[in-house]
Amino acid sequence: MDIDHLRFEAATGHQKPQFESIMKALLQLFVDIWILLKGLWSILVLVLLACWLGYHYYKEIRANIMEPQPTTFAITEFHSNYQGQYWVRLSGKLALEHRKVENVKGYRKSDIVRIFVPLVDTSWFPDHPVHAVVIFEPIFFSDVDNWAKSHTGDFTATGIVDSYGFRRLFPNLIAGSPIVFVRDGSRPKTFGELLSLAVTLVLSLALFLFVFTWLRKKFLNYMRG
């Protein structure tokens, strides 16, 4: 065995423990930082979760506090008395000749549709503004004509206010101010339902953190050999 070969083995043998020491030091640094931030991270995640729930369900929470019952309006006075309520009961007449039908995704059957119908007063004409549109779903496409026949005359819609593009649905009609879309037959989620949703999200987050921590420990044990 020549001298150069011995020198190479000595050099590489010295470098290997040095590399392992550096890796262990880096891993220990990572663990120390993780322990330091773990508590802050959990608090931050809970704050972000609360903000997300508040942002997406603010109207539902507010309705539970401020609107125990739907606010009732006649369509003739709606535009002057509406003050941003989320849960409403509107009385008027459905302008069925102007209904808009569109397919609904997410149902097992492909012939499920959603129907948008302007709710107007008896003296309304197409050149008058529309202040409310009622949303009906789910309805089978084959039943639309029979459904329309059963909804002639006076009609009262009760539901929560939703958002849609009026111009896209009714390009030939005039949107009034205010203009609301009412999802017939709906109501705000109760505090119990909102609490169940929050608990489900928290448990899902806890499960994710548990799996992440378990995988991290496995990885660290593997790297430490």
C-alpha atoms as a PDB file:
ATOM      1  CA  MET A   1       0.000   0.000   0.000  1.00  0.00           C
ATOM      2  CA  ASP A   2       1.630   3.282  -1.084  1.00  0.00           C
ATOM      3  CA  ILE A   3       1.933   6.451   0.993  1.00  0.00           C
ATOM      4  CA  ASP A   4      -0.542   8.485  -1.121  1.00  0.00           C
ATOM      5  CA  HIS A   5      -3.285   5.888  -0.567  1.00  0.00           C
ATOM      6  CA  LEU A   6      -2.713   5.947   3.208  1.00  0.00           C
ATOM      7  CA  ARG A   7      -2.877   9.736   3.192  1.00  0.00           C
ATOM      8  CA  PHE A   8      -6.226   9.628   1.295  1.00  0.00           C
ATOM      9  CA  GLU A   9      -7.743   7.156   3.784  1.00  0.00           C
ATOM     10  CA  ALA A  10      -6.552   9.259   6.688  1.00  0.00           C
ATOM     11  CA  ALA A  11      -8.024  12.425   5.187  1.00  0.00           C
ATOM     12  CA  THR A  12     -11.415  10.904   4.346  1.00  0.00           C
ATOM     13  CA  GLY A  13     -11.622   9.133   7.693  1.00  0.00           C
ATOM     14  CA  HIS A  14     -11.069  12.461   9.442  1.00  0.00           C
ATOM     15  CA  GLN A  15     -13.647  14.290   7.279  1.00  0.00           C
ATOM     16  CA  LYS A  16     -16.468  11.786   7.921  1.00  0.00           C
ATOM     17  CA  PRO A  17     -16.735  12.394  11.711  1.00  0.00           C
ATOM     18  CA  GLN A  18     -16.417  16.112  11.020  1.00  0.00           C
ATOM     19  CA  PHE A  19     -19.381  15.999   8.565  1.00  0.00           C
ATOM     20  CA  GLU A  20     -21.505  14.012  11.027  1.00  0.00           C
ATOM     21  CA  SER A  21     -20.757  16.526  13.781  1.00  0.00           C
ATOM     22  CA  ILE A  22     -21.864  19.410  11.564  1.00  0.00           C
ATOM     23  CA  MET A  23     -25.088  17.619  10.598  1.00  0.00           C
ATOM     24  CA  LYS A  24     -25.876  16.845  14.238  1.00  0.00           C
ATOM     25  CA  ALA A  25     -25.238  20.459  15.205  1.00  0.00           C
ATOM     26  CA  LEU A  26     -27.548  21.695  12.451  1.00  0.00           C
ATOM     27  CA  LEU A  27     -30.251  19.220  13.491  1.00  0.00           C
ATOM     28  CA  GLN A  28     -29.950  20.291  17.124  1.00  0.00           C
ATOM     29  CA  LEU A  29     -30.263  23.932  16.053  1.00  0.00           C
ATOM     30  CA  PHE A  30     -33.392  23.063  14.083  1.00  0.00           C
ATOM     31  CA  VAL A  31     -34.871  21.272  17.120  1.00  0.00           C
ATOM     32  CA  ASP A  32     -34.121  24.222  19.420  1.00  0.00           C
ATOM     33  CA  ILE A  33     -35.759  26.669  16.998  1.00  0.00           C
ATOM     34  CA  TRP A  34     -38.772  24.344  16.619  1.00  0.00           C
ATOM     35  CA  ILE A  35     -39.249  24.146  20.412  1.00  0.00           C
ATOM     36  CA  LEU A  36     -38.985  27.929  20.674  1.00  0.00           C
ATOM     37  CA  LEU A  37     -41.518  28.600  17.934  1.00  0.00           C
ATOM     38  CA  LYS A  38     -43.871  25.704  18.651  1.00  0.00           C
ATOM     39  CA  GLY A  39     -45.953  27.616  21.197  1.00  0.00           C
ATOM     40  CA  LEU A  40     -46.049  30.787  19.091  1.00  0.00           C
ATOM     41  CA  TRP A  41     -46.914  28.747  16.002  1.00  0.00           C
ATOM     42  CA  SER A  42     -49.893  27.124  17.692  1.00  0.00           C
ATOM     43  CA  ILE A  43     -51.191  30.512  18.839  1.00  0.00           C
ATOM     44  CA  LEU A  44     -50.665  31.985  15.369  1.00  0.00           C
ATOM     45  CA  VAL A  45     -52.530  29.110  13.710  1.00  0.00           C
ATOM     46  CA  LEU A  46     -55.482  29.500  16.080  1.00  0.00           C
ATOM     47  CA  VAL A  47     -55.571  33.263  15.437  1.00  0.00           C
ATOM     48  CA  LEU A  48     -55.504  32.698  11.668  1.00  0.00           C
ATOM     49  CA  LEU A  49     -58.260  30.100  11.978  1.00  0.00           C
ATOM     50  CA  ALA A  50     -60.407  32.514  13.989  1.00  0.00           C
ATOM     51  CA  CYS A  51     -59.818  35.252  11.391  1.00  0.00           C
ATOM     52  CA  TRP A  52     -60.773  32.874   8.572  1.00  0.00           C
ATOM     53  CA  LEU A  53     -63.994  31.836  10.310  1.00  0.00           C
ATOM     54  CA  GLY A  54     -64.832  35.450  11.092  1.00  0.00           C
ATOM     55  CA  TYR A  55     -64.200  36.544   7.511  1.00  0.00           C
ATOM     56  CA  HIS A  56     -66.255  33.772   5.895  1.00  0.00           C
ATOM     57  CA  TYR A  57     -69.045  33.544   8.464  1.00  0.00           C
ATOM     58  CA  TYR A  58     -69.306  37.097   9.750  1.00  0.00           C
ATOM     59  CA  LYS A  59     -72.788  37.519   8.282  1.00  0.00           C
ATOM     60  CA  GLU A  60     -73.933  34.235   9.804  1.00  0.00           C
ATOM     61  CA  ILE A  61     -72.612  35.215  13.245  1.00  0.00           C
ATOM     62  CA  ARG A  62     -74.116  38.692  13.012  1.00  0.00           C
ATOM     63  CA  ALA A  63     -77.486  37.295  11.910  1.00  0.00           C
ATOM     64  CA  ASN A  64     -77.594  34.999  14.961  1.00  0.00           C
ATOM     65  CA  ILE A  65     -77.156  38.040  17.193  1.00  0.00           C
ATOM     66  CA  MET A  66     -79.053  40.762  15.332  1.00  0.00           C
ATOM     67  CA  GLU A  67     -81.625  38.845  13.258  1.00  0.00           C
ATOM     68  CA  PRO A  68     -83.362  36.104  15.248  1.00  0.00           C
ATOM     69  CA  GLN A  69     -86.192  36.242  12.684  1.00  0.00           C
ATOM     70  CA  PRO A  70     -86.232  37.197   8.984  1.00  0.00           C
ATOM     71  CA  THR A  71     -87.062  40.828   8.262  1.00  0.00           C
ATOM     72  CA  THR A  72     -90.279  41.128   6.278  1.00  0.00           C
ATOM     73  CA  PHE A  73     -90.640  43.434   3.260  1.00  0.00           C
ATOM     74  CA  ALA A  74     -93.171  44.003   0.544  1.00  0.00           C
ATOM     75  CA  ILE A  75     -91.272  44.365  -2.707  1.00  0.00           C
ATOM     76  CA  THR A  76     -92.930  47.754  -3.315  1.00  0.00           C
ATOM     77  CA  GLU A  77     -91.194  49.227  -0.258  1.00  0.00           C
ATOM     78  CA  PHE A  78     -88.058  47.114  -0.250  1.00  0.00           C
ATOM     79  CA  HIS A  79     -85.771  49.594  -2.030  1.00  0.00           C
ATOM     80  CA  SER A  80     -86.511  52.335   0.512  1.00  0.00           C
ATOM     81  CA  ASN A  81     -86.553  50.232   3.718  1.00  0.00           C
ATOM     82  CA  TYR A  82     -83.776  47.685   3.172  1.00  0.00           C
ATOM     83  CA  GLN A  83     -80.765  48.317   5.427  1.00  0.00           C
ATOM     84  CA  GLY A  84     -78.466  45.412   4.652  1.00  0.00           C
ATOM     85  CA  GLN A  85     -80.322  42.610   6.452  1.00  0.00           C
ATOM     86  CA  TYR A  86     -78.988  39.108   5.803  1.00  0.00           C
ATOM     87  CA  TRP A  87     -82.155  37.086   6.479  1.00  0.00           C
ATOM     88  CA  VAL A  88     -85.241  38.444   4.715  1.00  0.00           C
ATOM     89  CA  ARG A  89     -88.815  37.605   3.782  1.00  0.00           C
ATOM     90  CA  LEU A  90     -89.924  39.301   0.537  1.00  0.00           C
ATOM     91  CA  SER A  91     -93.440  39.358  -0.886  1.00  0.00           C
ATOM     92  CA  GLY A  92     -94.220  40.130  -4.510  1.00  0.00           C
ATOM     93  CA  LYS A  93     -94.720  38.406  -7.836  1.00  0.00           C
ATOM     94  CA  LEU A  94     -92.258  36.220  -9.731  1.00  0.00           C
ATOM     95  CA  ALA A  95     -91.472  37.456 -13.253  1.00  0.00           C
ATOM     96  CA  LEU A  96     -91.375  33.878 -14.547  1.00  0.00           C
ATOM     97  CA  GLU A  97     -91.103  34.911 -18.184  1.00  0.00           C
ATOM     98  CA  HIS A  98     -87.646  36.319 -17.354  1.00  0.00           C
ATOM     99  CA  ARG A  99     -86.385  33.332 -15.383  1.00  0.00           C
ATOM    100  CA  LYS A 100     -82.829  32.176 -15.920  1.00  0.00           C
ATOM    101  CA  VAL A 101     -81.966  28.462 -15.650  1.00  0.00           C
ATOM    102  CA  GLU A 102     -78.411  27.174 -15.194  1.00  0.00           C
ATOM    103  CA  ASN A 103     -76.874  23.787 -14.454  1.00  0.00           C
ATOM    104  CA  VAL A 104     -75.689  23.032 -10.941  1.00  0.00           C
ATOM    105  CA  LYS A 105     -72.400  21.211 -10.453  1.00  0.00           C
ATOM    106  CA  GLY A 106     -71.783  18.869  -7.553  1.00  0.00           C
ATOM    107  CA  TYR A 107     -74.933  16.771  -7.719  1.00  0.00           C
ATOM    108  CA  ARG A 108     -74.894  13.105  -8.687  1.00  0.00           C
ATOM    109  CA  LYS A 109     -77.529  13.634 -11.343  1.00  0.00           C
ATOM    110  CA  SER A 110     -76.620  15.903 -14.245  1.00  0.00           C
ATOM    111  CA  ASP A 111     -80.121  17.300 -14.849  1.00  0.00           C
ATOM    112  CA  ILE A 112     -80.233  19.335 -11.623  1.00  0.00           C
ATOM    113  CA  VAL A 113     -80.641  23.063 -12.259  1.00  0.00           C
ATOM    114  CA  ARG A 114     -80.788  26.351 -10.398  1.00  0.00           C
ATOM    115  CA  ILE A 115     -83.449  28.912 -11.307  1.00  0.00           C
ATOM    116  CA  PHE A 116     -83.131  32.691 -10.909  1.00  0.00           C
ATOM    117  CA  VAL A 117     -86.369  34.667 -11.046  1.00  0.00           C
ATOM    118  CA  PRO A 118     -86.867  38.441 -10.531  1.00  0.00           C
ATOM    119  CA  LEU A 119     -89.327  39.247  -7.745  1.00  0.00           C
ATOM    120  CA  VAL A 120     -91.355  42.318  -8.737  1.00  0.00           C
ATOM    121  CA  ASP A 121     -94.626  44.076  -7.975  1.00  0.00           C
ATOM    122  CA  THR A 122     -97.822  43.689  -9.996  1.00  0.00           C
ATOM    123  CA  SER A 123     -97.246  46.952 -11.892  1.00  0.00           C
ATOM    124  CA  TRP A 124     -93.715  46.076 -12.967  1.00  0.00           C
ATOM    125  CA  PHE A 125     -92.560  46.289 -16.608  1.00  0.00           C
ATOM    126  CA  PRO A 126     -89.252  45.135 -18.109  1.00  0.00           C
ATOM    127  CA  ASP A 127     -88.015  48.728 -18.317  1.00  0.00           C
ATOM    128  CA  HIS A 128     -88.450  49.136 -14.535  1.00  0.00           C
ATOM    129  CA  PRO A 129     -85.568  48.327 -12.154  1.00  0.00           C
ATOM    130  CA  VAL A 130     -85.359  44.955 -10.398  1.00  0.00           C
ATOM    131  CA  HIS A 131     -84.515  45.004  -6.692  1.00  0.00           C
ATOM    132  CA  ALA A 132     -84.701  41.307  -5.817  1.00  0.00           C
ATOM    133  CA  VAL A 133     -83.994  37.978  -7.505  1.00  0.00           C
ATOM    134  CA  VAL A 134     -85.089  34.700  -5.919  1.00  0.00           C
ATOM    135  CA  ILE A 135     -82.903  31.597  -6.252  1.00  0.00           C
ATOM    136  CA  PHE A 136     -84.516  28.155  -6.365  1.00  0.00           C
ATOM    137  CA  GLU A 137     -82.549  24.903  -6.187  1.00  0.00           C
ATOM    138  CA  PRO A 138     -82.205  21.995  -6.618  1.00  0.00           C
ATOM    139  CA  ILE A 139     -84.789  21.388  -9.346  1.00  0.00           C
ATOM    140  CA  PHE A 140     -84.857  18.725 -12.044  1.00  0.00           C
ATOM    141  CA  PHE A 141     -84.616  20.245 -15.494  1.00  0.00           C
ATOM    142  CA  SER A 142     -87.526  18.109 -16.686  1.00  0.00           C
ATOM    143  CA  ASP A 143     -89.714  19.663 -13.949  1.00  0.00           C
ATOM    144  CA  VAL A 144     -89.002  23.316 -14.737  1.00  0.00           C
ATOM    145  CA  ASP A 145     -92.216  23.939 -16.714  1.00  0.00           C
ATOM    146  CA  ASN A 146     -94.409  22.310 -14.076  1.00  0.00           C
ATOM    147  CA  TRP A 147     -92.518  24.201 -11.388  1.00  0.00           C
ATOM    148  CA  ALA A 148     -93.200  27.504 -13.186  1.00  0.00           C
ATOM    149  CA  LYS A 149     -96.924  26.751 -13.437  1.00  0.00           C
ATOM    150  CA  SER A 150     -97.083  26.162  -9.694  1.00  0.00           C
ATOM    151  CA  HIS A 151     -95.398  29.491  -8.887  1.00  0.00           C
ATOM    152  CA  THR A 152     -97.718  31.938 -10.632  1.00  0.00           C
ATOM    153  CA  GLY A 153     -99.451  34.698  -8.680  1.00  0.00           C
ATOM    154  CA  ASP A 154     -98.300  36.211  -5.385  1.00  0.00           C
ATOM    155  CA  PHE A 155     -95.183  34.699  -3.860  1.00  0.00           C
ATOM    156  CA  THR A 156     -93.223  35.142  -0.636  1.00  0.00           C
ATOM    157  CA  ALA A 157     -89.545  34.206  -0.580  1.00  0.00           C
ATOM    158  CA  THR A 158     -87.745  33.610   2.702  1.00  0.00           C
ATOM    159  CA  GLY A 159     -84.008  33.107   2.829  1.00  0.00           C
ATOM    160  CA  ILE A 160     -80.537  34.543   3.191  1.00  0.00           C
ATOM    161  CA  VAL A 161     -79.090  37.162   0.870  1.00  0.00           C
ATOM    162  CA  ASP A 162     -76.476  35.884  -1.569  1.00  0.00           C
ATOM    163  CA  SER A 163     -74.287  37.523  -4.237  1.00  0.00           C
ATOM    164  CA  TYR A 164     -74.440  36.955  -7.998  1.00  0.00           C
ATOM    165  CA  GLY A 165     -73.784  38.992 -11.116  1.00  0.00           C
ATOM    166  CA  PHE A 166     -77.089  40.503 -12.181  1.00  0.00           C
ATOM    167  CA  ARG A 167     -75.819  41.703 -15.561  1.00  0.00           C
ATOM    168  CA  ARG A 168     -74.573  38.233 -16.494  1.00  0.00           C
ATOM    169  CA  LEU A 169     -77.912  36.627 -15.691  1.00  0.00           C
ATOM    170  CA  PHE A 170     -80.244  39.356 -16.929  1.00  0.00           C
ATOM    171  CA  PRO A 171     -78.467  41.452 -19.576  1.00  0.00           C
ATOM    172  CA  ASN A 172     -81.779  42.915 -20.813  1.00  0.00           C
ATOM    173  CA  LEU A 173     -83.106  44.009 -17.428  1.00  0.00           C
ATOM    174  CA  ILE A 174     -82.204  46.924 -15.186  1.00  0.00           C
ATOM    175  CA  ALA A 175     -80.614  46.339 -11.789  1.00  0.00           C
ATOM    176  CA  GLY A 176     -82.081  48.564  -9.113  1.00  0.00           C
ATOM    177  CA  SER A 177     -80.368  49.915  -6.031  1.00  0.00           C
ATOM    178  CA  PRO A 178     -80.291  47.967  -3.822  1.00  0.00           C
ATOM    179  CA  ILE A 179     -80.323  44.626  -5.618  1.00  0.00           C
ATOM    180  CA  VAL A 180     -80.313  41.360  -3.648  1.00  0.00           C
ATOM    181  CA  PHE A 181     -80.379  37.667  -4.478  1.00  0.00           C
ATOM    182  CA  VAL A 182     -82.450  35.653  -1.989  1.00  0.00           C
ATOM    183  CA  ARG A 183     -81.881  31.905  -1.696  1.00  0.00           C
ATOM    184  CA  ASP A 184     -85.419  30.655  -1.068  1.00  0.00           C
ATOM    185  CA  GLY A 185     -85.836  28.243   1.832  1.00  0.00           C
ATOM    186  CA  SER A 186     -82.437  28.967   3.376  1.00  0.00           C
ATOM    187  CA  ARG A 187     -81.576  30.352   6.806  1.00  0.00           C
ATOM    188  CA  PRO A 188     -78.408  31.434   8.629  1.00  0.00           C
ATOM    189  CA  LYS A 189     -76.327  28.744  10.279  1.00  0.00           C
ATOM    190  CA  THR A 190     -77.024  28.500  14.006  1.00  0.00           C
ATOM    191  CA  PHE A 191     -74.350  29.020  16.667  1.00  0.00           C
ATOM    192  CA  GLY A 192     -74.370  25.247  17.192  1.00  0.00           C
ATOM    193  CA  GLU A 193     -73.624  24.604  13.513  1.00  0.00           C
ATOM    194  CA  LEU A 194     -70.888  27.246  13.484  1.00  0.00           C
ATOM    195  CA  LEU A 195     -69.374  25.762  16.651  1.00  0.00           C
ATOM    196  CA  SER A 196     -69.431  22.274  15.103  1.00  0.00           C
ATOM    197  CA  LEU A 197     -67.653  23.648  12.035  1.00  0.00           C
ATOM    198  CA  ALA A 198     -65.007  25.329  14.193  1.00  0.00           C
ATOM    199  CA  VAL A 199     -64.448  22.146  16.235  1.00  0.00           C
ATOM    200  CA  THR A 200     -64.093  20.096  13.046  1.00  0.00           C
ATOM    201  CA  LEU A 201     -61.490  22.499  11.681  1.00  0.00           C
ATOM    202  CA  VAL A 202     -59.557  22.536  14.967  1.00  0.00           C
ATOM    203  CA  LEU A 203     -59.533  18.719  15.156  1.00  0.00           C
ATOM    204  CA  SER A 204     -58.391  18.504  11.522  1.00  0.00           C
ATOM    205  CA  LEU A 205     -55.603  20.960  12.287  1.00  0.00           C
ATOM    206  CA  ALA A 206     -54.618  19.008  15.406  1.00  0.00           C
ATOM    207  CA  LEU A 207     -54.472  15.782  13.381  1.00  0.00           C
ATOM    208  CA  PHE A 208     -52.265  17.465  10.796  1.00  0.00           C
ATOM    209  CA  LEU A 209     -49.885  18.770  13.486  1.00  0.00           C
ATOM    210  CA  PHE A 210     -49.769  15.328  15.140  1.00  0.00           C
ATOM    211  CA  VAL A 211     -48.842  13.607  11.867  1.00  0.00           C
ATOM    212  CA  PHE A 212     -46.287  16.335  11.073  1.00  0.00           C
ATOM    213  CA  THR A 213     -44.667  15.997  14.532  1.00  0.00           C
ATOM    214  CA  TRP A 214     -44.574  12.204  14.256  1.00  0.00           C
ATOM    215  CA  LEU A 215     -42.910  12.368  10.833  1.00  0.00           C
ATOM    216  CA  ARG A 216     -40.425  14.970  12.107  1.00  0.00           C
ATOM    217  CA  LYS A 217     -39.399  12.697  15.009  1.00  0.00           C
ATOM    218  CA  LYS A 218     -38.969   9.767  12.635  1.00  0.00           C
ATOM    219  CA  PHE A 219     -36.810  11.897  10.366  1.00  0.00           C
ATOM    220  CA  LEU A 220     -34.653  13.183  13.217  1.00  0.00           C
ATOM    221  CA  ASN A 221     -34.140   9.668  14.608  1.00  0.00           C
ATOM    222  CA  TYR A 222     -33.167   8.464  11.150  1.00  0.00           C
ATOM    223  CA  MET A 223     -30.658  11.290  10.665  1.00  0.00           C
ATOM    224  CA  ARG A 224     -29.113  10.693  14.099  1.00  0.00           C
ATOM    225  CA  GLY A 225     -28.584   7.082  13.122  1.00  0.00           C
END
